[in-house]
Amino acid sequence: MPVSLIAITGTPGTGKTSVCRALEPISEYNIINLDAVIKSKGFYTGIDDDRGCLIADLTRLRDYIKSEVENSEKQVVIESHLAHLLQPDVAIVLRTNPAVLASRLMQKDFTMRKIEENVEAEMLDVILIEAVDLCKVVYEVDTTTSAISETASTIREIINTESGIDARRKKSLRLRFRPGSISRNWLTLTHPEPVRNRSYII
């Protein structure tokens, strides 16, 4: 039996969407891009004109995903930098070295302001900390040097393990990808600004 809900989350640029595209051909998964749902269903409370972002309505989004889980015969997997805020049973947090992340966001034509905000969030482990606080089970997966296919394979292993009944395998995998397991020497900002409201589509 599948767990109720699995989330793939992480700072923009860590590879969530690319990985989910690689997972889409797998027929047993129902993968839902939350940013697309928010836009298509109108699940937002307003627009932040200064930052060019939609302010997500997490209550309506949560109700929609709850209905999807109840009516889906497949394992539901949600993807977005907001996904962990819906308190899934399992959150897979993708991480990237901030220097590499900045380069990726530049290639995506992000504004300098958005690049700085997202790099700061990655340096300060913002999404990882939120996920650990909100979710029952959290995995941390480093995508800095991994190919998309390699990350997708890792995530598929996590999803299939969590959807199964092998307790020993779950314990081993959770230990391997436990929060804080990534070996990194990431520089922190000298004077980081307070992290802003994260209920945005970035």
Protein backbone atom coordinates (compact mmCIF):
# COMPACT_ATOMS: atom_id res chain seq x y z
CA MET A 1 0.00 0.00 0.00
CA PRO A 2 1.34 3.47 -0.84
CA VAL A 3 1.88 6.05 1.86
CA SER A 4 -0.62 8.88 1.71
CA LEU A 5 1.58 11.58 0.26
CA ILE A 6 5.22 12.05 -0.79
CA ALA A 7 6.70 15.47 -1.53
CA ILE A 8 9.73 16.46 -3.58
CA THR A 9 10.79 19.89 -2.37
CA GLY A 10 13.80 22.16 -2.29
CA THR A 11 15.00 25.62 -3.20
CA PRO A 12 14.27 26.63 -6.82
CA GLY A 13 17.09 25.38 -9.03
CA THR A 14 17.87 22.21 -7.08
CA GLY A 15 16.35 20.01 -9.80
CA LYS A 16 12.81 19.19 -8.68
CA THR A 17 11.05 19.67 -12.00
CA SER A 18 13.78 18.02 -14.06
CA VAL A 19 13.76 14.98 -11.81
CA CYS A 20 9.97 14.73 -11.90
CA ARG A 21 10.02 14.83 -15.70
CA ALA A 22 12.39 11.85 -15.57
CA LEU A 23 9.96 10.06 -13.23
CA GLU A 24 6.81 10.78 -15.27
CA PRO A 25 7.06 7.67 -17.49
CA ILE A 26 6.76 5.52 -14.35
CA SER A 27 3.11 4.49 -14.47
CA GLU A 28 2.64 3.83 -10.75
CA TYR A 29 3.18 7.48 -9.79
CA ASN A 30 0.70 10.36 -9.94
CA ILE A 31 3.07 13.34 -10.02
CA ILE A 32 1.50 16.74 -9.38
CA ASN A 33 3.32 20.03 -9.96
CA LEU A 34 1.88 22.33 -7.30
CA ASP A 35 3.00 25.55 -9.01
CA ALA A 36 1.02 24.57 -12.11
CA VAL A 37 -2.03 23.69 -9.99
CA ILE A 38 -1.88 27.00 -8.14
CA LYS A 39 -1.84 28.91 -11.42
CA SER A 40 -4.45 26.82 -13.28
CA LYS A 41 -6.90 26.52 -10.36
CA GLY A 42 -6.46 30.05 -9.08
CA PHE A 43 -5.25 28.87 -5.68
CA TYR A 44 -3.68 32.15 -4.69
CA THR A 45 -4.73 35.06 -2.51
CA GLY A 46 -3.01 37.83 -4.42
CA ILE A 47 0.06 38.98 -6.29
CA ASP A 48 3.21 40.42 -4.82
CA ASP A 49 3.85 43.10 -7.46
CA ASP A 50 7.21 44.04 -6.00
CA ARG A 51 8.57 40.53 -6.39
CA GLY A 52 6.43 39.35 -9.31
CA CYS A 53 5.11 36.35 -7.37
CA LEU A 54 1.74 34.76 -6.68
CA ILE A 55 0.86 34.37 -3.01
CA ALA A 56 -0.31 30.77 -2.69
CA ASP A 57 -3.51 29.82 -0.86
CA LEU A 58 -2.21 26.81 1.04
CA THR A 59 -5.62 25.95 2.52
CA ARG A 60 -7.29 25.44 -0.86
CA LEU A 61 -4.19 23.74 -2.20
CA ARG A 62 -4.13 21.35 0.75
CA ASP A 63 -7.82 20.46 0.25
CA TYR A 64 -7.23 19.82 -3.46
CA ILE A 65 -4.28 17.50 -2.82
CA LYS A 66 -6.21 15.68 -0.09
CA SER A 67 -8.93 14.93 -2.65
CA GLU A 68 -6.33 13.76 -5.18
CA VAL A 69 -4.83 11.36 -2.63
CA GLU A 70 -8.23 9.97 -1.70
CA ASN A 71 -9.22 9.35 -5.32
CA SER A 72 -5.93 8.19 -6.80
CA GLU A 73 -5.04 4.52 -7.20
CA LYS A 74 -1.41 5.51 -7.71
CA GLN A 75 1.20 6.86 -5.33
CA VAL A 76 0.69 10.63 -5.24
CA VAL A 77 3.91 12.65 -5.43
CA ILE A 78 3.75 16.45 -5.18
CA GLU A 79 6.53 18.71 -6.44
CA SER A 80 7.26 22.33 -5.55
CA HIS A 81 9.35 24.42 -3.19
CA LEU A 82 6.08 24.65 -1.22
CA ALA A 83 5.37 20.90 -1.19
CA HIS A 84 6.65 20.27 2.35
CA LEU A 85 4.28 22.95 3.69
CA LEU A 86 1.38 20.57 2.99
CA GLN A 87 2.84 18.27 5.66
CA PRO A 88 3.29 15.11 3.56
CA ASP A 89 4.12 11.78 5.15
CA VAL A 90 7.52 11.83 3.44
CA ALA A 91 9.46 14.87 2.24
CA ILE A 92 12.45 14.51 -0.09
CA VAL A 93 14.47 17.72 0.10
CA LEU A 94 16.80 18.32 -2.84
CA ARG A 95 19.96 20.31 -2.01
CA THR A 96 22.57 22.06 -4.14
CA ASN A 97 25.79 23.85 -3.30
CA PRO A 98 24.84 27.57 -3.32
CA ALA A 99 27.59 28.48 -5.82
CA VAL A 100 26.25 25.89 -8.27
CA LEU A 101 22.68 26.95 -7.47
CA ALA A 102 23.46 30.57 -8.35
CA SER A 103 24.85 29.46 -11.70
CA ARG A 104 21.74 27.38 -12.44
CA LEU A 105 19.41 30.26 -11.57
CA MET A 106 21.37 32.63 -13.81
CA GLN A 107 20.84 30.17 -16.67
CA LYS A 108 17.11 30.27 -15.88
CA ASP A 109 17.20 34.08 -16.23
CA PHE A 110 16.18 34.70 -12.62
CA THR A 111 16.53 38.30 -11.50
CA MET A 112 19.49 39.09 -9.28
CA ARG A 113 17.11 39.67 -6.37
CA LYS A 114 15.55 36.23 -6.74
CA ILE A 115 18.96 34.61 -7.12
CA GLU A 116 20.18 36.24 -3.93
CA GLU A 117 17.02 35.27 -2.00
CA ASN A 118 17.17 31.65 -3.11
CA VAL A 119 20.91 31.27 -2.56
CA GLU A 120 20.47 32.74 0.91
CA ALA A 121 17.66 30.28 1.65
CA GLU A 122 19.85 27.37 0.55
CA MET A 123 22.78 28.56 2.65
CA LEU A 124 20.55 28.81 5.72
CA ASP A 125 18.87 25.39 5.18
CA VAL A 126 15.46 27.10 5.21
CA ILE A 127 13.45 24.42 3.43
CA LEU A 128 15.23 21.55 5.17
CA ILE A 129 14.49 23.06 8.59
CA GLU A 130 10.85 23.64 7.66
CA ALA A 131 10.52 20.08 6.37
CA VAL A 132 12.03 18.56 9.52
CA ASP A 133 9.63 20.64 11.62
CA LEU A 134 6.51 19.78 9.59
CA CYS A 135 6.98 16.29 8.15
CA LYS A 136 7.08 12.81 9.65
CA VAL A 137 9.96 11.53 7.52
CA VAL A 138 12.56 13.67 5.75
CA TYR A 139 15.25 12.70 3.24
CA GLU A 140 18.04 15.04 2.13
CA VAL A 141 19.43 14.39 -1.36
CA ASP A 142 22.40 16.29 -2.82
CA THR A 143 21.99 17.14 -6.52
CA THR A 144 25.12 19.30 -6.88
CA THR A 145 27.11 16.93 -9.07
CA SER A 146 24.54 14.23 -9.84
CA ALA A 147 23.04 13.67 -13.27
CA ILE A 148 19.26 14.00 -13.47
CA SER A 149 18.95 10.27 -14.15
CA GLU A 150 21.00 9.46 -11.05
CA THR A 151 18.90 11.71 -8.81
CA ALA A 152 15.71 10.29 -10.33
CA SER A 153 16.93 6.77 -9.58
CA THR A 154 17.62 7.72 -5.97
CA ILE A 155 14.20 9.29 -5.56
CA ARG A 156 12.50 6.30 -7.14
CA GLU A 157 14.29 4.06 -4.65
CA ILE A 158 13.08 6.26 -1.79
CA ILE A 159 9.49 6.36 -3.02
CA ASN A 160 9.31 2.63 -3.65
CA THR A 161 10.89 1.86 -0.28
CA GLU A 162 8.55 4.16 1.62
CA SER A 163 5.58 2.68 -0.25
CA GLY A 164 6.65 -0.83 0.75
CA ILE A 165 6.64 -2.82 3.98
CA ASP A 166 10.32 -3.64 4.42
CA ALA A 167 11.06 -1.88 7.71
CA ARG A 168 14.76 -2.74 7.66
CA ARG A 169 15.21 -1.27 4.19
CA LYS A 170 13.38 1.89 5.24
CA LYS A 171 15.59 2.30 8.29
CA SER A 172 18.75 1.87 6.20
CA LEU A 173 17.65 4.34 3.52
CA ARG A 174 16.47 6.93 6.03
CA LEU A 175 19.84 6.75 7.75
CA ARG A 176 21.71 7.11 4.47
CA PHE A 177 19.78 10.23 3.45
CA ARG A 178 19.00 11.64 6.89
CA PRO A 179 18.85 15.45 7.29
CA GLY A 180 22.38 16.71 7.87
CA SER A 181 23.98 13.75 6.08
CA ILE A 182 25.34 15.81 3.21
CA SER A 183 29.02 16.63 3.64
CA ARG A 184 29.41 20.27 2.72
CA ASN A 185 31.34 23.40 3.59
CA TRP A 186 28.90 26.02 2.46
CA LEU A 187 29.65 29.64 3.31
CA THR A 188 26.98 31.50 5.24
CA LEU A 189 26.16 35.13 4.72
CA THR A 190 27.85 37.62 7.02
CA HIS A 191 24.64 39.54 7.62
CA PRO A 192 21.72 37.49 6.29
CA GLU A 193 18.40 39.27 6.05
CA PRO A 194 15.32 37.68 7.67
CA VAL A 195 13.82 34.98 5.46
CA ARG A 196 10.57 36.26 3.98
CA ASN A 197 7.16 34.61 3.74
CA ARG A 198 7.70 31.45 1.67
CA SER A 199 4.13 31.08 0.36
CA TYR A 200 5.18 32.22 -3.10
CA ILE A 201 5.59 30.68 -6.51
CA ILE A 202 9.18 31.53 -7.45
